[in-house]
Structure formats: structure tokens, C-alpha cells
Amino acid sequence: MGAFFTREGPNIPFTTIQPGEIGDCIDRIGRQWMLITAGDEQHFNTMTASWGGMGTLFNKPVATIYVRPQRYTYQFTEQQDTFSLCFFDPCYRDALTLCGTKSGRDIDKPRACGLDPIFDTAPYFEQAQLVVLCRKLYYTDMGDGVFVDKSVEAANYPEKDYHRLYIGEIEKVYRHL
């Protein structure tokens, strides 16, 4: 079922798994966090996220991500048809914290964190324990006047800086061996 694959250089120990084998997405995204990465080999950016989801929509396995327009990663998610979600071992928590608090406009986040990019349909990182590669299917902008529970809007958007929601079809899933 799984297959090893390589990039230029050493053998990267990943195996391909099915989307249904990803496991507890609520824990993975909400507590462990993930890196959302988009771009190409010349220019890309990554950001930490703890909002998102995975499931079935449009009869396809999908992932949802949320990116604010002021985030540097936003321009890459807009320009590209694909993005990756990377999940890491707990020892990378400091790296994820840096990727969530510093801008790629100011620093090379992967280099600062010791992360090695691999380029497939979207960039992802060799150190990831789990990689989900997605192709965009849909987006919509969150906004004022659509929240049923106004306390959620008040708590999360006091500055009215709403996210863009992207839905991506899960095309490949890699697990680090």
C-alpha cells in the first residue's frame, strides 16, 4: 500500500496513506497545530494554524483552512492551486510557535526553525510526521453579519479582520516512518 519516494538527495522515509487513516483531526489541528504552506520552489511561505478541519464534502475527502488576508501566506494560497498541511512531533512546538508569531516577510521561517522543504504539488517539510497535500476547490470570505452566535464573532474578530476559508480536496497523504 505505501511506497517510499525520494527527492534529490537522501531517501525520505514517508509512506503514502489514505485520507481515512489520518486519525483524530480535532486533536491534530486544535491541540498539536499544523503548518499551512503554499507557494513554489522559488517563493513560498508557511504559517501555524490551530483552526481547520477534515472530512467529506462534494463526495471528496477535504480539508478546510482559514487564512487572514494580512498574513503573508495568504498571497501564496491565492496564487497557487495547492497547499499542504504538515503535522509535527511535539519536539517541534517551538518551531510552530515561531511560524505562528513571525512573518515570512521578515525572516526565512523554515531556515530559522531548521525545517527542510520538499516540493511536490505544494511545499511541505521533511521533518513532518504527517503531510496532507490539497488542491483548492472552493473559498469564501467570512464576514460581519453572518455569525449566528455573536459571541463567537466578538471573541475572534474584535478588529473585524475576518479569515478567508479555503476548502481543498485531499489528494495525497504522507506519513513519516
C-alpha atoms as a PDB file:
ATOM      1  CA  MET A   1       0.000   0.000   0.000  1.00  0.00           C
ATOM      2  CA  GLY A   2       2.686   2.506   0.931  1.00  0.00           C
ATOM      3  CA  ALA A   3       5.612   3.484  -1.210  1.00  0.00           C
ATOM      4  CA  PHE A   4       8.927   5.154  -0.479  1.00  0.00           C
ATOM      5  CA  PHE A   5       9.811   8.107  -2.617  1.00  0.00           C
ATOM      6  CA  THR A   6      12.843  10.258  -2.917  1.00  0.00           C
ATOM      7  CA  ARG A   7      13.740  13.818  -3.732  1.00  0.00           C
ATOM      8  CA  GLU A   8      17.160  14.936  -4.855  1.00  0.00           C
ATOM      9  CA  GLY A   9      19.498  13.536  -2.270  1.00  0.00           C
ATOM     10  CA  PRO A  10      18.737  11.062   0.518  1.00  0.00           C
ATOM     11  CA  ASN A  11      15.767   8.735   0.734  1.00  0.00           C
ATOM     12  CA  ILE A  12      12.955  10.453   2.630  1.00  0.00           C
ATOM     13  CA  PRO A  13      11.147   7.891   4.780  1.00  0.00           C
ATOM     14  CA  PHE A  14       7.497   8.625   4.023  1.00  0.00           C
ATOM     15  CA  THR A  15       4.753   6.235   3.094  1.00  0.00           C
ATOM     16  CA  THR A  16       1.511   7.081   1.347  1.00  0.00           C
ATOM     17  CA  ILE A  17      -1.677   6.518   3.356  1.00  0.00           C
ATOM     18  CA  GLN A  18      -5.371   7.039   2.658  1.00  0.00           C
ATOM     19  CA  PRO A  19      -7.163  10.159   3.970  1.00  0.00           C
ATOM     20  CA  GLY A  20      -9.281   7.961   6.253  1.00  0.00           C
ATOM     21  CA  GLU A  21      -6.097   6.895   8.059  1.00  0.00           C
ATOM     22  CA  ILE A  22      -5.209  10.429   9.225  1.00  0.00           C
ATOM     23  CA  GLY A  23      -6.732   9.933  12.667  1.00  0.00           C
ATOM     24  CA  ASP A  24      -8.057  12.419  15.216  1.00  0.00           C
ATOM     25  CA  CYS A  25      -8.168  15.718  13.318  1.00  0.00           C
ATOM     26  CA  ILE A  26      -9.618  17.670  16.232  1.00  0.00           C
ATOM     27  CA  ASP A  27      -6.567  16.856  18.349  1.00  0.00           C
ATOM     28  CA  ARG A  28      -4.097  17.193  15.480  1.00  0.00           C
ATOM     29  CA  ILE A  29      -5.296  20.631  14.399  1.00  0.00           C
ATOM     30  CA  GLY A  30      -6.592  22.168  17.612  1.00  0.00           C
ATOM     31  CA  ARG A  31      -4.029  20.963  20.140  1.00  0.00           C
ATOM     32  CA  GLN A  32      -0.964  19.906  18.146  1.00  0.00           C
ATOM     33  CA  TRP A  33      -1.280  22.647  15.498  1.00  0.00           C
ATOM     34  CA  MET A  34      -0.234  22.434  11.862  1.00  0.00           C
ATOM     35  CA  LEU A  35       1.729  24.367   9.290  1.00  0.00           C
ATOM     36  CA  ILE A  36      -0.171  25.604   6.238  1.00  0.00           C
ATOM     37  CA  THR A  37       2.261  26.046   3.367  1.00  0.00           C
ATOM     38  CA  ALA A  38       1.730  27.300  -0.174  1.00  0.00           C
ATOM     39  CA  GLY A  39       3.919  28.520  -2.999  1.00  0.00           C
ATOM     40  CA  ASP A  40       6.526  27.033  -5.307  1.00  0.00           C
ATOM     41  CA  GLU A  41      10.248  26.260  -5.265  1.00  0.00           C
ATOM     42  CA  GLN A  42      11.151  29.910  -5.864  1.00  0.00           C
ATOM     43  CA  HIS A  43       8.814  31.505  -3.288  1.00  0.00           C
ATOM     44  CA  PHE A  44       6.660  30.007  -0.581  1.00  0.00           C
ATOM     45  CA  ASN A  45       5.554  30.694   2.954  1.00  0.00           C
ATOM     46  CA  THR A  46       4.284  28.737   5.896  1.00  0.00           C
ATOM     47  CA  MET A  47       2.159  29.673   8.891  1.00  0.00           C
ATOM     48  CA  THR A  48       0.972  27.901  12.012  1.00  0.00           C
ATOM     49  CA  ALA A  49      -2.739  27.227  12.354  1.00  0.00           C
ATOM     50  CA  SER A  50      -4.950  25.705  15.004  1.00  0.00           C
ATOM     51  CA  TRP A  51      -8.209  26.205  13.116  1.00  0.00           C
ATOM     52  CA  GLY A  52      -9.331  23.889  10.368  1.00  0.00           C
ATOM     53  CA  GLY A  53     -10.969  20.594   9.730  1.00  0.00           C
ATOM     54  CA  MET A  54     -11.082  17.462   7.639  1.00  0.00           C
ATOM     55  CA  GLY A  55     -13.995  15.425   6.414  1.00  0.00           C
ATOM     56  CA  THR A  56     -16.094  14.730   3.357  1.00  0.00           C
ATOM     57  CA  LEU A  57     -17.677  17.360   1.127  1.00  0.00           C
ATOM     58  CA  PHE A  58     -18.666  17.311  -2.535  1.00  0.00           C
ATOM     59  CA  ASN A  59     -18.216  13.499  -2.280  1.00  0.00           C
ATOM     60  CA  LYS A  60     -14.474  14.042  -1.780  1.00  0.00           C
ATOM     61  CA  PRO A  61     -12.068  13.916   1.177  1.00  0.00           C
ATOM     62  CA  VAL A  62     -11.398  17.552   2.049  1.00  0.00           C
ATOM     63  CA  ALA A  63      -9.526  19.828   4.422  1.00  0.00           C
ATOM     64  CA  THR A  64     -10.629  23.316   5.413  1.00  0.00           C
ATOM     65  CA  ILE A  65      -8.178  26.047   6.321  1.00  0.00           C
ATOM     66  CA  TYR A  66      -8.605  29.661   7.407  1.00  0.00           C
ATOM     67  CA  VAL A  67      -6.153  32.401   6.432  1.00  0.00           C
ATOM     68  CA  ARG A  68      -6.444  36.107   7.182  1.00  0.00           C
ATOM     69  CA  PRO A  69      -5.668  38.399   4.216  1.00  0.00           C
ATOM     70  CA  GLN A  70      -2.961  40.231   6.155  1.00  0.00           C
ATOM     71  CA  ARG A  71      -0.959  37.023   6.608  1.00  0.00           C
ATOM     72  CA  TYR A  72       1.960  36.613   4.184  1.00  0.00           C
ATOM     73  CA  THR A  73       0.827  33.051   3.444  1.00  0.00           C
ATOM     74  CA  TYR A  74      -2.439  34.454   2.073  1.00  0.00           C
ATOM     75  CA  GLN A  75      -0.829  35.685  -1.151  1.00  0.00           C
ATOM     76  CA  PHE A  76       0.588  32.208  -1.774  1.00  0.00           C
ATOM     77  CA  THR A  77      -2.732  30.448  -1.099  1.00  0.00           C
ATOM     78  CA  GLU A  78      -4.309  32.896  -3.532  1.00  0.00           C
ATOM     79  CA  GLN A  79      -1.690  32.400  -6.258  1.00  0.00           C
ATOM     80  CA  GLN A  80      -1.433  28.624  -6.101  1.00  0.00           C
ATOM     81  CA  ASP A  81      -3.991  25.880  -6.686  1.00  0.00           C
ATOM     82  CA  THR A  82      -2.474  23.711  -3.950  1.00  0.00           C
ATOM     83  CA  PHE A  83      -1.385  23.882  -0.319  1.00  0.00           C
ATOM     84  CA  SER A  84      -0.022  21.493   2.275  1.00  0.00           C
ATOM     85  CA  LEU A  85      -0.807  20.811   5.897  1.00  0.00           C
ATOM     86  CA  CYS A  86       2.074  19.480   7.994  1.00  0.00           C
ATOM     87  CA  PHE A  87       1.804  17.963  11.445  1.00  0.00           C
ATOM     88  CA  PHE A  88       4.847  17.507  13.666  1.00  0.00           C
ATOM     89  CA  ASP A  89       6.156  15.648  16.671  1.00  0.00           C
ATOM     90  CA  PRO A  90       5.765  17.659  19.931  1.00  0.00           C
ATOM     91  CA  CYS A  91       9.504  18.454  19.932  1.00  0.00           C
ATOM     92  CA  TYR A  92       8.752  20.954  17.110  1.00  0.00           C
ATOM     93  CA  ARG A  93       6.384  23.064  19.247  1.00  0.00           C
ATOM     94  CA  ASP A  94       8.874  25.951  19.438  1.00  0.00           C
ATOM     95  CA  ALA A  95       9.226  25.900  15.639  1.00  0.00           C
ATOM     96  CA  LEU A  96       5.449  26.013  15.262  1.00  0.00           C
ATOM     97  CA  THR A  97       5.267  28.883  17.736  1.00  0.00           C
ATOM     98  CA  LEU A  98       7.844  30.840  15.724  1.00  0.00           C
ATOM     99  CA  CYS A  99       5.977  30.125  12.449  1.00  0.00           C
ATOM    100  CA  GLY A 100       2.799  31.463  14.044  1.00  0.00           C
ATOM    101  CA  THR A 101       4.284  34.624  15.509  1.00  0.00           C
ATOM    102  CA  LYS A 102       6.849  35.779  12.932  1.00  0.00           C
ATOM    103  CA  SER A 103       6.182  36.865   9.360  1.00  0.00           C
ATOM    104  CA  GLY A 104       7.833  35.301   6.350  1.00  0.00           C
ATOM    105  CA  ARG A 105       8.123  38.872   5.055  1.00  0.00           C
ATOM    106  CA  ASP A 106      10.751  39.440   7.760  1.00  0.00           C
ATOM    107  CA  ILE A 107      12.534  36.101   8.226  1.00  0.00           C
ATOM    108  CA  ASP A 108      13.065  32.786   6.467  1.00  0.00           C
ATOM    109  CA  LYS A 109      10.910  30.761   8.853  1.00  0.00           C
ATOM    110  CA  PRO A 110      11.909  27.273   7.648  1.00  0.00           C
ATOM    111  CA  ARG A 111      15.595  28.109   7.955  1.00  0.00           C
ATOM    112  CA  ALA A 112      15.078  29.698  11.394  1.00  0.00           C
ATOM    113  CA  CYS A 113      13.284  26.530  12.537  1.00  0.00           C
ATOM    114  CA  GLY A 114      15.619  24.015  10.883  1.00  0.00           C
ATOM    115  CA  LEU A 115      12.875  22.744   8.552  1.00  0.00           C
ATOM    116  CA  ASP A 116      13.828  21.309   5.165  1.00  0.00           C
ATOM    117  CA  PRO A 117      11.305  21.926   2.386  1.00  0.00           C
ATOM    118  CA  ILE A 118      10.307  19.255  -0.117  1.00  0.00           C
ATOM    119  CA  PHE A 119       8.421  20.278  -3.230  1.00  0.00           C
ATOM    120  CA  ASP A 120       5.580  18.160  -4.573  1.00  0.00           C
ATOM    121  CA  THR A 121       2.255  19.619  -5.683  1.00  0.00           C
ATOM    122  CA  ALA A 122       2.825  22.029  -2.763  1.00  0.00           C
ATOM    123  CA  PRO A 123       5.816  22.580  -0.484  1.00  0.00           C
ATOM    124  CA  TYR A 124       5.985  20.576   2.737  1.00  0.00           C
ATOM    125  CA  PHE A 125       8.674  19.691   5.268  1.00  0.00           C
ATOM    126  CA  GLU A 126      10.903  16.663   5.657  1.00  0.00           C
ATOM    127  CA  GLN A 127      10.545  16.760   9.453  1.00  0.00           C
ATOM    128  CA  ALA A 128       6.728  16.474   9.388  1.00  0.00           C
ATOM    129  CA  GLN A 129       5.153  13.372  10.872  1.00  0.00           C
ATOM    130  CA  LEU A 130       2.090  13.714   8.642  1.00  0.00           C
ATOM    131  CA  VAL A 131       1.649  15.648   5.388  1.00  0.00           C
ATOM    132  CA  VAL A 132      -1.680  16.382   3.690  1.00  0.00           C
ATOM    133  CA  LEU A 133      -1.492  17.772   0.141  1.00  0.00           C
ATOM    134  CA  CYS A 134      -4.614  19.570  -1.044  1.00  0.00           C
ATOM    135  CA  ARG A 135      -5.954  21.121  -4.238  1.00  0.00           C
ATOM    136  CA  LYS A 136      -8.254  24.116  -3.755  1.00  0.00           C
ATOM    137  CA  LEU A 137     -11.903  23.525  -4.605  1.00  0.00           C
ATOM    138  CA  TYR A 138     -13.684  26.481  -3.038  1.00  0.00           C
ATOM    139  CA  TYR A 139     -13.191  29.602  -0.955  1.00  0.00           C
ATOM    140  CA  THR A 140     -15.396  32.125   0.750  1.00  0.00           C
ATOM    141  CA  ASP A 141     -14.773  35.127   2.935  1.00  0.00           C
ATOM    142  CA  MET A 142     -16.049  35.179   6.472  1.00  0.00           C
ATOM    143  CA  GLY A 143     -17.618  38.450   7.454  1.00  0.00           C
ATOM    144  CA  ASP A 144     -19.817  40.667   9.522  1.00  0.00           C
ATOM    145  CA  GLY A 145     -23.497  39.772   9.742  1.00  0.00           C
ATOM    146  CA  VAL A 146     -23.235  36.031   9.137  1.00  0.00           C
ATOM    147  CA  PHE A 147     -22.450  34.791  12.643  1.00  0.00           C
ATOM    148  CA  VAL A 148     -25.435  33.209  14.340  1.00  0.00           C
ATOM    149  CA  ASP A 149     -23.616  33.216  17.684  1.00  0.00           C
ATOM    150  CA  LYS A 150     -22.481  36.831  18.004  1.00  0.00           C
ATOM    151  CA  SER A 151     -20.224  35.972  20.940  1.00  0.00           C
ATOM    152  CA  VAL A 152     -18.009  33.901  18.591  1.00  0.00           C
ATOM    153  CA  GLU A 153     -17.585  36.902  16.305  1.00  0.00           C
ATOM    154  CA  ALA A 154     -16.921  39.255  19.225  1.00  0.00           C
ATOM    155  CA  ALA A 155     -14.323  36.919  20.734  1.00  0.00           C
ATOM    156  CA  ASN A 156     -12.468  36.133  17.499  1.00  0.00           C
ATOM    157  CA  TYR A 157     -12.896  39.246  15.352  1.00  0.00           C
ATOM    158  CA  PRO A 158     -12.881  42.371  17.531  1.00  0.00           C
ATOM    159  CA  GLU A 159     -10.933  44.129  14.740  1.00  0.00           C
ATOM    160  CA  LYS A 160     -13.243  42.754  12.005  1.00  0.00           C
ATOM    161  CA  ASP A 161     -10.192  41.073  10.407  1.00  0.00           C
ATOM    162  CA  TYR A 162     -12.043  38.054   9.028  1.00  0.00           C
ATOM    163  CA  HIS A 163     -10.477  34.948   7.545  1.00  0.00           C
ATOM    164  CA  ARG A 164     -10.835  33.539   4.069  1.00  0.00           C
ATOM    165  CA  LEU A 165     -11.965  29.914   4.287  1.00  0.00           C
ATOM    166  CA  TYR A 166     -10.485  27.510   1.740  1.00  0.00           C
ATOM    167  CA  ILE A 167     -11.737  24.003   1.051  1.00  0.00           C
ATOM    168  CA  GLY A 168      -9.171  21.727  -0.554  1.00  0.00           C
ATOM    169  CA  GLU A 169      -9.526  18.221  -1.866  1.00  0.00           C
ATOM    170  CA  ILE A 170      -7.078  15.924  -0.109  1.00  0.00           C
ATOM    171  CA  GLU A 171      -5.036  14.488  -2.968  1.00  0.00           C
ATOM    172  CA  LYS A 172      -2.129  12.836  -1.128  1.00  0.00           C
ATOM    173  CA  VAL A 173      -1.337  11.963   2.462  1.00  0.00           C
ATOM    174  CA  TYR A 174       2.169  11.008   3.590  1.00  0.00           C
ATOM    175  CA  ARG A 175       3.123   9.573   6.972  1.00  0.00           C
ATOM    176  CA  HIS A 176       6.721   9.693   8.185  1.00  0.00           C
ATOM    177  CA  LEU A 177       8.048   6.247   9.026  1.00  0.00           C
END
